[in-house]
Amino acid sequence: MRSTAEIDKEWLRLKPKIAEIKGDKCFYCGSKAEEYHHIVPRHMGGDNRLENIVPMCSECHKKAHSKRSYRPHEKWGRKEIPKPENFDEVADLYLGNHITLLEAFELSNLKRHTFYKLLGEYQAETGDTRKHRNKGNKHKRN
């Protein structure tokens, strides 16, 4: 997997070319585009391919990143995060203080942001109100 620094460096090199190809109109509302949006974020494995980048005005770009005002739209936005099959088990172990956060990341094969997002959804669905207590995780899995 390429590092974020490598992807950022590539982005700076490609940005002028992307502007030529994609134009200067907001993909969503049609006004003047001032920014570019990675549909699948780079921290979640998104890259700088043309099909992953759309020009946006500041207002639409803000909406695309806002949890409060974001509404999925067929033209832009984040793709739904697939939940790993073992996520419920990992979440239960994590909330029960049987594994560390790093172990939860490893077992679920997720990064921090994605893990916390899915953990919030898991707790909302199940009504689980437990909080992870990071006290050295004395209760290890057997």
N, C-alpha and C. Protein backbone atom coordinates (compact mmCIF):
# COMPACT_ATOMS: atom_id res chain seq x y z
N MET A 1 0.84 -1.17 0.00
CA MET A 1 0.00 0.00 0.00
C MET A 1 0.89 1.25 0.00
N ARG A 2 0.52 2.23 -0.81
CA ARG A 2 1.31 3.46 -0.89
C ARG A 2 1.03 4.35 0.31
N SER A 3 2.04 5.13 0.69
CA SER A 3 1.88 6.01 1.84
C SER A 3 1.05 7.23 1.45
N THR A 4 0.48 7.88 2.46
CA THR A 4 -0.29 9.10 2.24
C THR A 4 0.61 10.17 1.62
N ALA A 5 1.87 10.24 2.06
CA ALA A 5 2.81 11.22 1.51
C ALA A 5 3.01 11.02 0.01
N GLU A 6 3.10 9.76 -0.42
CA GLU A 6 3.26 9.47 -1.85
C GLU A 6 2.02 9.90 -2.63
N ILE A 7 0.85 9.62 -2.08
CA ILE A 7 -0.40 9.99 -2.74
C ILE A 7 -0.55 11.51 -2.80
N ASP A 8 -0.16 12.20 -1.71
CA ASP A 8 -0.21 13.67 -1.69
C ASP A 8 0.73 14.26 -2.74
N LYS A 9 1.92 13.71 -2.84
CA LYS A 9 2.90 14.19 -3.83
C LYS A 9 2.36 14.00 -5.25
N GLU A 10 1.77 12.84 -5.48
CA GLU A 10 1.16 12.56 -6.78
C GLU A 10 0.03 13.55 -7.07
N TRP A 11 -0.78 13.86 -6.04
CA TRP A 11 -1.90 14.78 -6.19
C TRP A 11 -1.41 16.16 -6.64
N LEU A 12 -0.35 16.66 -6.01
CA LEU A 12 0.19 17.98 -6.39
C LEU A 12 0.65 17.99 -7.84
N ARG A 13 1.20 16.88 -8.30
CA ARG A 13 1.66 16.76 -9.69
C ARG A 13 0.48 16.67 -10.66
N LEU A 14 -0.57 15.95 -10.27
CA LEU A 14 -1.69 15.72 -11.17
C LEU A 14 -2.76 16.82 -11.18
N LYS A 15 -2.82 17.61 -10.11
CA LYS A 15 -3.90 18.58 -9.95
C LYS A 15 -4.11 19.50 -11.16
N PRO A 16 -3.06 20.09 -11.74
CA PRO A 16 -3.29 20.93 -12.93
C PRO A 16 -3.88 20.15 -14.11
N LYS A 17 -3.46 18.92 -14.30
CA LYS A 17 -3.99 18.10 -15.39
C LYS A 17 -5.46 17.75 -15.14
N ILE A 18 -5.78 17.47 -13.89
CA ILE A 18 -7.17 17.13 -13.53
C ILE A 18 -8.07 18.32 -13.79
N ALA A 19 -7.58 19.51 -13.49
CA ALA A 19 -8.35 20.73 -13.75
C ALA A 19 -8.67 20.87 -15.24
N GLU A 20 -7.71 20.57 -16.08
CA GLU A 20 -7.93 20.63 -17.54
C GLU A 20 -8.97 19.60 -17.98
N ILE A 21 -8.87 18.40 -17.46
CA ILE A 21 -9.75 17.31 -17.88
C ILE A 21 -11.16 17.44 -17.29
N LYS A 22 -11.24 17.72 -15.99
CA LYS A 22 -12.54 17.75 -15.31
C LYS A 22 -13.26 19.09 -15.42
N GLY A 23 -12.55 20.14 -15.78
CA GLY A 23 -13.18 21.45 -15.92
C GLY A 23 -13.25 22.22 -14.62
N ASP A 24 -13.94 23.36 -14.67
CA ASP A 24 -13.98 24.23 -13.50
C ASP A 24 -15.40 24.47 -12.98
N LYS A 25 -16.30 23.55 -13.27
CA LYS A 25 -17.68 23.65 -12.78
C LYS A 25 -17.91 22.61 -11.68
N CYS A 26 -18.63 23.03 -10.64
CA CYS A 26 -18.95 22.12 -9.54
C CYS A 26 -19.77 20.94 -10.09
N PHE A 27 -19.32 19.75 -9.78
CA PHE A 27 -19.96 18.54 -10.27
C PHE A 27 -21.41 18.45 -9.80
N TYR A 28 -21.68 19.03 -8.62
CA TYR A 28 -23.02 18.93 -8.06
C TYR A 28 -23.94 20.06 -8.48
N CYS A 29 -23.53 21.32 -8.25
CA CYS A 29 -24.45 22.43 -8.48
C CYS A 29 -24.16 23.23 -9.75
N GLY A 30 -22.99 23.03 -10.36
CA GLY A 30 -22.68 23.71 -11.61
C GLY A 30 -22.02 25.07 -11.46
N SER A 31 -21.86 25.57 -10.23
CA SER A 31 -21.19 26.86 -10.06
C SER A 31 -19.68 26.68 -10.21
N LYS A 32 -18.94 27.75 -10.06
CA LYS A 32 -17.48 27.71 -10.23
C LYS A 32 -16.86 26.80 -9.17
N ALA A 33 -16.08 25.83 -9.63
CA ALA A 33 -15.41 24.89 -8.72
C ALA A 33 -14.12 25.52 -8.21
N GLU A 34 -13.93 25.45 -6.91
CA GLU A 34 -12.71 25.98 -6.29
C GLU A 34 -11.85 24.87 -5.68
N GLU A 35 -12.44 23.67 -5.55
CA GLU A 35 -11.77 22.58 -4.86
C GLU A 35 -12.04 21.26 -5.58
N TYR A 36 -11.34 20.23 -5.15
CA TYR A 36 -11.55 18.89 -5.69
C TYR A 36 -11.87 17.94 -4.55
N HIS A 37 -12.77 17.02 -4.81
CA HIS A 37 -13.25 16.09 -3.80
C HIS A 37 -12.88 14.67 -4.19
N HIS A 38 -12.24 13.96 -3.27
CA HIS A 38 -11.97 12.53 -3.47
C HIS A 38 -13.20 11.77 -2.98
N ILE A 39 -13.90 11.12 -3.86
CA ILE A 39 -15.13 10.41 -3.52
C ILE A 39 -14.85 9.35 -2.46
N VAL A 40 -13.87 8.50 -2.72
CA VAL A 40 -13.38 7.58 -1.68
C VAL A 40 -12.16 8.28 -1.10
N PRO A 41 -12.22 8.67 0.18
CA PRO A 41 -11.12 9.44 0.77
C PRO A 41 -9.79 8.70 0.70
N ARG A 42 -8.74 9.47 0.62
CA ARG A 42 -7.42 8.86 0.54
C ARG A 42 -7.11 8.03 1.78
N HIS A 43 -7.55 8.48 2.96
CA HIS A 43 -7.26 7.73 4.19
C HIS A 43 -8.04 6.42 4.26
N MET A 44 -9.00 6.24 3.34
CA MET A 44 -9.76 4.99 3.30
C MET A 44 -9.41 4.17 2.06
N GLY A 45 -8.27 4.49 1.47
CA GLY A 45 -7.81 3.72 0.32
C GLY A 45 -8.12 4.35 -1.03
N GLY A 46 -8.76 5.52 -1.03
CA GLY A 46 -9.03 6.22 -2.28
C GLY A 46 -7.74 6.71 -2.89
N ASP A 47 -7.76 6.87 -4.19
CA ASP A 47 -6.54 7.32 -4.85
C ASP A 47 -6.85 8.50 -5.75
N ASN A 48 -5.90 8.84 -6.60
CA ASN A 48 -6.02 10.01 -7.47
C ASN A 48 -6.48 9.68 -8.88
N ARG A 49 -7.17 8.56 -9.05
CA ARG A 49 -7.72 8.25 -10.37
C ARG A 49 -8.81 9.24 -10.72
N LEU A 50 -8.95 9.55 -11.98
CA LEU A 50 -9.94 10.54 -12.43
C LEU A 50 -11.35 10.21 -11.97
N GLU A 51 -11.70 8.95 -11.97
CA GLU A 51 -13.07 8.58 -11.58
C GLU A 51 -13.31 8.74 -10.08
N ASN A 52 -12.26 8.98 -9.30
CA ASN A 52 -12.41 9.18 -7.86
C ASN A 52 -12.37 10.67 -7.47
N ILE A 53 -12.21 11.55 -8.44
CA ILE A 53 -12.07 12.98 -8.15
C ILE A 53 -13.11 13.78 -8.92
N VAL A 54 -13.77 14.69 -8.20
CA VAL A 54 -14.73 15.59 -8.85
C VAL A 54 -14.48 17.02 -8.40
N PRO A 55 -14.64 17.98 -9.33
CA PRO A 55 -14.52 19.39 -8.93
C PRO A 55 -15.76 19.81 -8.16
N MET A 56 -15.57 20.66 -7.15
CA MET A 56 -16.71 21.14 -6.35
C MET A 56 -16.47 22.57 -5.91
N CYS A 57 -17.57 23.28 -5.73
CA CYS A 57 -17.48 24.60 -5.10
C CYS A 57 -17.26 24.36 -3.60
N SER A 58 -16.84 25.38 -2.90
CA SER A 58 -16.56 25.23 -1.46
C SER A 58 -17.77 24.77 -0.69
N GLU A 59 -18.95 25.31 -1.01
CA GLU A 59 -20.17 24.98 -0.28
C GLU A 59 -20.53 23.49 -0.44
N CYS A 60 -20.51 23.00 -1.66
CA CYS A 60 -20.84 21.58 -1.89
C CYS A 60 -19.78 20.66 -1.30
N HIS A 61 -18.51 21.10 -1.35
CA HIS A 61 -17.44 20.29 -0.78
C HIS A 61 -17.61 20.19 0.73
N LYS A 62 -18.00 21.29 1.37
CA LYS A 62 -18.28 21.30 2.80
C LYS A 62 -19.40 20.32 3.12
N LYS A 63 -20.46 20.34 2.29
CA LYS A 63 -21.59 19.43 2.51
C LYS A 63 -21.18 17.98 2.36
N ALA A 64 -20.31 17.72 1.40
CA ALA A 64 -19.86 16.34 1.16
C ALA A 64 -19.10 15.79 2.36
N HIS A 65 -18.45 16.68 3.12
CA HIS A 65 -17.67 16.25 4.28
C HIS A 65 -18.42 16.39 5.59
N SER A 66 -19.58 17.04 5.57
CA SER A 66 -20.33 17.28 6.79
C SER A 66 -21.21 16.09 7.14
N LYS A 67 -21.11 15.63 8.36
CA LYS A 67 -21.95 14.51 8.80
C LYS A 67 -23.38 14.97 9.01
N ARG A 68 -23.57 16.25 9.40
CA ARG A 68 -24.91 16.75 9.67
C ARG A 68 -25.71 17.01 8.40
N SER A 69 -25.07 17.60 7.40
CA SER A 69 -25.84 18.00 6.23
C SER A 69 -25.68 17.06 5.05
N TYR A 70 -24.80 16.09 5.16
CA TYR A 70 -24.56 15.20 4.04
C TYR A 70 -25.75 14.30 3.76
N ARG A 71 -26.14 14.27 2.54
CA ARG A 71 -27.16 13.33 2.07
C ARG A 71 -26.61 12.64 0.83
N PRO A 72 -26.64 11.33 0.79
CA PRO A 72 -26.11 10.63 -0.39
C PRO A 72 -26.79 11.14 -1.67
N HIS A 73 -26.02 11.25 -2.67
CA HIS A 73 -26.51 11.72 -3.96
C HIS A 73 -25.85 10.87 -5.03
N GLU A 74 -26.55 10.60 -6.07
CA GLU A 74 -25.99 9.71 -7.09
C GLU A 74 -24.78 10.32 -7.79
N LYS A 75 -24.59 11.63 -7.69
CA LYS A 75 -23.49 12.27 -8.40
C LYS A 75 -22.22 12.41 -7.56
N TRP A 76 -22.34 12.46 -6.24
CA TRP A 76 -21.15 12.65 -5.42
C TRP A 76 -21.38 12.12 -4.02
N GLY A 77 -20.31 12.08 -3.25
CA GLY A 77 -20.42 11.66 -1.86
C GLY A 77 -19.61 10.41 -1.58
N ARG A 78 -19.61 10.01 -0.35
CA ARG A 78 -18.86 8.84 0.10
C ARG A 78 -19.63 7.56 -0.20
N LYS A 79 -18.89 6.56 -0.61
CA LYS A 79 -19.51 5.25 -0.78
C LYS A 79 -19.74 4.65 0.60
N GLU A 80 -20.75 3.80 0.72
CA GLU A 80 -21.03 3.15 1.99
C GLU A 80 -19.87 2.24 2.35
N ILE A 81 -19.51 2.23 3.60
CA ILE A 81 -18.40 1.41 4.07
C ILE A 81 -18.90 0.00 4.32
N PRO A 82 -18.30 -0.99 3.65
CA PRO A 82 -18.75 -2.36 3.90
C PRO A 82 -18.30 -2.80 5.29
N LYS A 83 -19.19 -3.42 6.03
CA LYS A 83 -18.90 -3.88 7.39
C LYS A 83 -18.29 -5.27 7.30
N PRO A 84 -17.10 -5.46 7.87
CA PRO A 84 -16.49 -6.80 7.86
C PRO A 84 -17.41 -7.81 8.55
N GLU A 85 -17.36 -9.05 8.07
CA GLU A 85 -18.22 -10.10 8.62
C GLU A 85 -18.01 -10.31 10.11
N ASN A 86 -16.77 -10.12 10.57
CA ASN A 86 -16.46 -10.37 11.98
C ASN A 86 -16.61 -9.12 12.84
N PHE A 87 -17.15 -8.04 12.30
CA PHE A 87 -17.15 -6.77 13.03
C PHE A 87 -17.91 -6.84 14.35
N ASP A 88 -19.08 -7.47 14.39
CA ASP A 88 -19.86 -7.53 15.62
C ASP A 88 -19.07 -8.23 16.73
N GLU A 89 -18.38 -9.30 16.39
CA GLU A 89 -17.56 -10.02 17.36
C GLU A 89 -16.42 -9.14 17.85
N VAL A 90 -15.74 -8.45 16.92
CA VAL A 90 -14.62 -7.57 17.28
C VAL A 90 -15.12 -6.43 18.16
N ALA A 91 -16.25 -5.83 17.80
CA ALA A 91 -16.81 -4.73 18.59
C ALA A 91 -17.13 -5.19 20.01
N ASP A 92 -17.70 -6.39 20.13
CA ASP A 92 -18.03 -6.93 21.45
C ASP A 92 -16.78 -7.16 22.28
N LEU A 93 -15.74 -7.70 21.67
CA LEU A 93 -14.48 -7.92 22.38
C LEU A 93 -13.85 -6.58 22.80
N TYR A 94 -13.90 -5.61 21.91
CA TYR A 94 -13.32 -4.30 22.19
C TYR A 94 -14.09 -3.60 23.32
N LEU A 95 -15.41 -3.56 23.22
CA LEU A 95 -16.22 -2.90 24.25
C LEU A 95 -16.17 -3.64 25.58
N GLY A 96 -15.89 -4.93 25.54
CA GLY A 96 -15.75 -5.72 26.76
C GLY A 96 -14.34 -5.66 27.33
N ASN A 97 -13.48 -4.82 26.73
CA ASN A 97 -12.10 -4.62 27.20
C ASN A 97 -11.25 -5.88 27.13
N HIS A 98 -11.55 -6.75 26.16
CA HIS A 98 -10.78 -7.97 25.98
C HIS A 98 -9.67 -7.81 24.96
N ILE A 99 -9.77 -6.78 24.12
CA ILE A 99 -8.73 -6.50 23.12
C ILE A 99 -8.46 -5.00 23.11
N THR A 100 -7.27 -4.64 22.66
CA THR A 100 -6.90 -3.23 22.54
C THR A 100 -7.46 -2.65 21.25
N LEU A 101 -7.38 -1.34 21.13
CA LEU A 101 -7.83 -0.68 19.92
C LEU A 101 -7.02 -1.17 18.72
N LEU A 102 -5.71 -1.29 18.88
CA LEU A 102 -4.88 -1.77 17.77
C LEU A 102 -5.25 -3.19 17.36
N GLU A 103 -5.56 -4.02 18.33
CA GLU A 103 -6.00 -5.39 18.02
C GLU A 103 -7.34 -5.36 17.28
N ALA A 104 -8.21 -4.45 17.68
CA ALA A 104 -9.50 -4.32 17.00
C ALA A 104 -9.29 -3.90 15.55
N PHE A 105 -8.36 -2.96 15.32
CA PHE A 105 -8.05 -2.54 13.94
C PHE A 105 -7.55 -3.73 13.14
N GLU A 106 -6.63 -4.49 13.74
CA GLU A 106 -6.05 -5.64 13.05
C GLU A 106 -7.10 -6.71 12.73
N LEU A 107 -7.90 -7.06 13.74
CA LEU A 107 -8.90 -8.11 13.55
C LEU A 107 -9.99 -7.73 12.54
N SER A 108 -10.35 -6.46 12.52
CA SER A 108 -11.40 -6.03 11.61
C SER A 108 -10.85 -5.55 10.27
N ASN A 109 -9.51 -5.38 10.20
CA ASN A 109 -8.85 -4.89 9.00
C ASN A 109 -9.39 -3.50 8.61
N LEU A 110 -9.56 -2.64 9.62
CA LEU A 110 -10.08 -1.30 9.40
C LEU A 110 -9.11 -0.26 9.96
N LYS A 111 -9.22 0.94 9.44
CA LYS A 111 -8.45 2.06 9.98
C LYS A 111 -9.30 2.75 11.04
N ARG A 112 -8.66 3.61 11.82
CA ARG A 112 -9.28 4.27 12.98
C ARG A 112 -10.63 4.90 12.67
N HIS A 113 -10.67 5.80 11.69
CA HIS A 113 -11.91 6.52 11.38
C HIS A 113 -13.05 5.56 11.03
N THR A 114 -12.75 4.59 10.20
CA THR A 114 -13.76 3.64 9.75
C THR A 114 -14.22 2.75 10.91
N PHE A 115 -13.26 2.32 11.74
CA PHE A 115 -13.62 1.50 12.89
C PHE A 115 -14.58 2.24 13.81
N TYR A 116 -14.25 3.49 14.14
CA TYR A 116 -15.11 4.26 15.05
C TYR A 116 -16.48 4.54 14.44
N LYS A 117 -16.53 4.77 13.14
CA LYS A 117 -17.82 5.01 12.49
C LYS A 117 -18.70 3.75 12.60
N LEU A 118 -18.12 2.61 12.27
CA LEU A 118 -18.88 1.36 12.34
C LEU A 118 -19.21 0.98 13.78
N LEU A 119 -18.31 1.31 14.72
CA LEU A 119 -18.58 1.04 16.13
C LEU A 119 -19.79 1.85 16.60
N GLY A 120 -19.86 3.12 16.18
CA GLY A 120 -21.02 3.95 16.52
C GLY A 120 -22.30 3.37 15.96
N GLU A 121 -22.26 2.89 14.72
CA GLU A 121 -23.44 2.27 14.11
C GLU A 121 -23.82 0.99 14.85
N TYR A 122 -22.81 0.21 15.24
CA TYR A 122 -23.04 -1.04 15.98
C TYR A 122 -23.74 -0.74 17.31
N GLN A 123 -23.24 0.28 18.01
CA GLN A 123 -23.83 0.62 19.30
C GLN A 123 -25.24 1.16 19.14
N ALA A 124 -25.48 1.93 18.10
CA ALA A 124 -26.83 2.45 17.86
C ALA A 124 -27.81 1.31 17.54
N GLU A 125 -27.37 0.36 16.73
CA GLU A 125 -28.22 -0.77 16.35
C GLU A 125 -28.52 -1.70 17.51
N THR A 126 -27.49 -1.95 18.34
CA THR A 126 -27.63 -2.95 19.41
C THR A 126 -28.04 -2.34 20.75
N GLY A 127 -27.92 -1.02 20.88
CA GLY A 127 -28.22 -0.38 22.16
C GLY A 127 -27.11 -0.58 23.18
N ASP A 128 -25.95 -1.03 22.72
CA ASP A 128 -24.80 -1.28 23.59
C ASP A 128 -24.20 0.07 24.00
N THR A 129 -24.19 0.34 25.31
CA THR A 129 -23.69 1.63 25.80
C THR A 129 -22.33 1.52 26.47
N ARG A 130 -21.72 0.34 26.39
CA ARG A 130 -20.41 0.17 27.03
C ARG A 130 -19.37 1.08 26.39
N LYS A 131 -18.41 1.49 27.20
CA LYS A 131 -17.28 2.28 26.72
C LYS A 131 -16.02 1.46 26.95
N HIS A 132 -15.08 1.55 26.02
CA HIS A 132 -13.82 0.85 26.17
C HIS A 132 -12.98 1.56 27.23
N ARG A 133 -12.48 0.83 28.16
CA ARG A 133 -11.61 1.38 29.20
C ARG A 133 -10.18 0.94 28.92
N ASN A 134 -9.36 1.87 28.53
CA ASN A 134 -7.98 1.53 28.17
C ASN A 134 -7.12 1.52 29.42
N LYS A 135 -7.20 0.44 30.17
CA LYS A 135 -6.42 0.29 31.39
C LYS A 135 -5.44 -0.85 31.22
N GLY A 136 -4.75 -0.84 30.11
CA GLY A 136 -3.78 -1.89 29.85
C GLY A 136 -4.40 -3.17 29.37
N ASN A 137 -5.72 -3.17 29.22
CA ASN A 137 -6.43 -4.35 28.74
C ASN A 137 -6.00 -5.60 29.48
N LYS A 138 -6.20 -5.60 30.79
CA LYS A 138 -5.81 -6.73 31.65
C LYS A 138 -6.55 -8.00 31.29
N HIS A 139 -7.76 -7.87 30.78
CA HIS A 139 -8.58 -9.04 30.41
C HIS A 139 -8.31 -9.41 28.97
N LYS A 140 -7.35 -10.24 28.76
CA LYS A 140 -7.01 -10.66 27.39
C LYS A 140 -7.89 -11.82 26.97
N ARG A 141 -8.08 -11.91 25.67
CA ARG A 141 -8.85 -13.01 25.09
C ARG A 141 -8.12 -14.33 25.32
N ASN A 142 -8.85 -15.38 25.56
CA ASN A 142 -8.24 -16.71 25.73
C ASN A 142 -8.23 -17.44 24.43
